[in-house]
Amino acid sequence: MVKNMSRMFSGCYVLNDLNVENLITSNVEDMSNLFSYIKVEHLILNWKTGNVVNMKNMFYHMESVKKISLGNDFSTRSEEH
């Protein structure tokens, strides 16, 4: 299982839409800078983020974003930490 997604999509400049809603993220602890500096208009997430302890700059410098869909299980506070 993936625990670190830091910078996974950082710097992707040639995307229009990014649909990653089906990624299994329930064990991920680090999402820092995950989408920093990407150029995307629509971002669709439907992630369980209860174990994430680091979301620093997760959406930093996303200039062209028009819509972000987070879903019902997206949380910015870990229940265990």
Protein backbone atom coordinates (compact mmCIF):
# COMPACT_ATOMS: atom_id res chain seq x y z
CA MET A 1 0.00 0.00 0.00
CA VAL A 2 1.17 3.50 -0.82
CA LYS A 3 1.99 5.69 2.19
CA ASN A 4 3.76 8.59 0.48
CA MET A 5 2.22 10.56 -2.40
CA SER A 6 4.35 13.66 -1.92
CA ARG A 7 4.91 15.51 -5.22
CA MET A 8 3.29 12.69 -7.23
CA PHE A 9 1.64 15.07 -9.73
CA SER A 10 3.69 18.18 -8.96
CA GLY A 11 4.72 20.13 -12.05
CA CYS A 12 2.36 18.41 -14.52
CA TYR A 13 1.80 21.28 -16.94
CA VAL A 14 -0.01 19.59 -19.83
CA LEU A 15 -3.20 18.34 -18.18
CA ASN A 16 -6.70 19.72 -18.72
CA ASP A 17 -8.59 17.47 -16.34
CA LEU A 18 -7.27 15.08 -13.72
CA ASN A 19 -9.65 12.43 -12.45
CA VAL A 20 -7.94 10.41 -9.73
CA GLU A 21 -11.07 9.66 -7.74
CA ASN A 22 -10.52 5.90 -7.80
CA LEU A 23 -7.09 5.89 -6.17
CA ILE A 24 -7.02 4.02 -2.87
CA THR A 25 -5.55 6.48 -0.38
CA SER A 26 -6.69 5.11 2.97
CA ASN A 27 -3.09 4.29 4.06
CA VAL A 28 -1.41 7.43 2.74
CA GLU A 29 0.31 9.60 5.37
CA ASP A 30 2.05 12.22 3.22
CA MET A 31 0.30 14.26 0.50
CA SER A 32 2.57 17.29 0.70
CA ASN A 33 2.99 19.19 -2.57
CA LEU A 34 0.89 16.53 -4.28
CA PHE A 35 -0.65 18.88 -6.84
CA SER A 36 1.68 21.87 -6.53
CA TYR A 37 2.38 23.71 -9.76
CA ILE A 38 0.03 21.63 -11.91
CA LYS A 39 -2.02 23.24 -14.64
CA VAL A 40 -5.42 21.64 -14.55
CA GLU A 41 -8.91 23.14 -14.71
CA HIS A 42 -10.82 20.34 -12.98
CA LEU A 43 -9.58 18.04 -10.24
CA ILE A 44 -11.77 15.20 -9.00
CA LEU A 45 -10.86 13.46 -5.75
CA ASN A 46 -12.93 11.01 -3.78
CA TRP A 47 -10.32 9.97 -1.28
CA LYS A 48 -10.20 8.73 2.28
CA THR A 49 -7.61 10.93 3.95
CA GLY A 50 -8.07 10.06 7.61
CA ASN A 51 -4.46 8.82 7.99
CA VAL A 52 -2.78 11.75 6.25
CA VAL A 53 -0.57 13.75 8.61
CA ASN A 54 1.06 16.05 6.04
CA MET A 55 -0.93 18.04 3.47
CA LYS A 56 1.45 21.00 3.40
CA ASN A 57 1.19 22.87 0.09
CA MET A 58 -0.99 20.13 -1.35
CA PHE A 59 -2.75 22.54 -3.73
CA TYR A 60 -0.01 25.20 -3.87
CA HIS A 61 0.22 27.42 -6.94
CA MET A 62 -2.60 25.84 -8.96
CA GLU A 63 -3.23 28.92 -11.09
CA SER A 64 -5.64 27.54 -13.67
CA VAL A 65 -7.90 25.45 -11.43
CA LYS A 66 -11.60 26.25 -11.74
CA LYS A 67 -13.12 23.37 -9.78
CA ILE A 68 -11.92 20.88 -7.18
CA SER A 69 -14.29 18.12 -6.08
CA LEU A 70 -13.11 16.55 -2.82
CA GLY A 71 -15.83 14.00 -2.06
CA ASN A 72 -17.38 13.07 1.28
CA ASP A 73 -14.42 11.24 2.86
CA PHE A 74 -11.83 13.98 2.40
CA SER A 75 -10.61 15.20 5.78
CA THR A 76 -7.86 17.61 6.70
CA ARG A 77 -7.45 16.23 10.19
CA SER A 78 -6.15 12.79 10.98
CA GLU A 79 -8.17 10.97 13.63
CA GLU A 80 -5.20 8.95 14.92
CA HIS A 81 -2.47 11.61 15.04
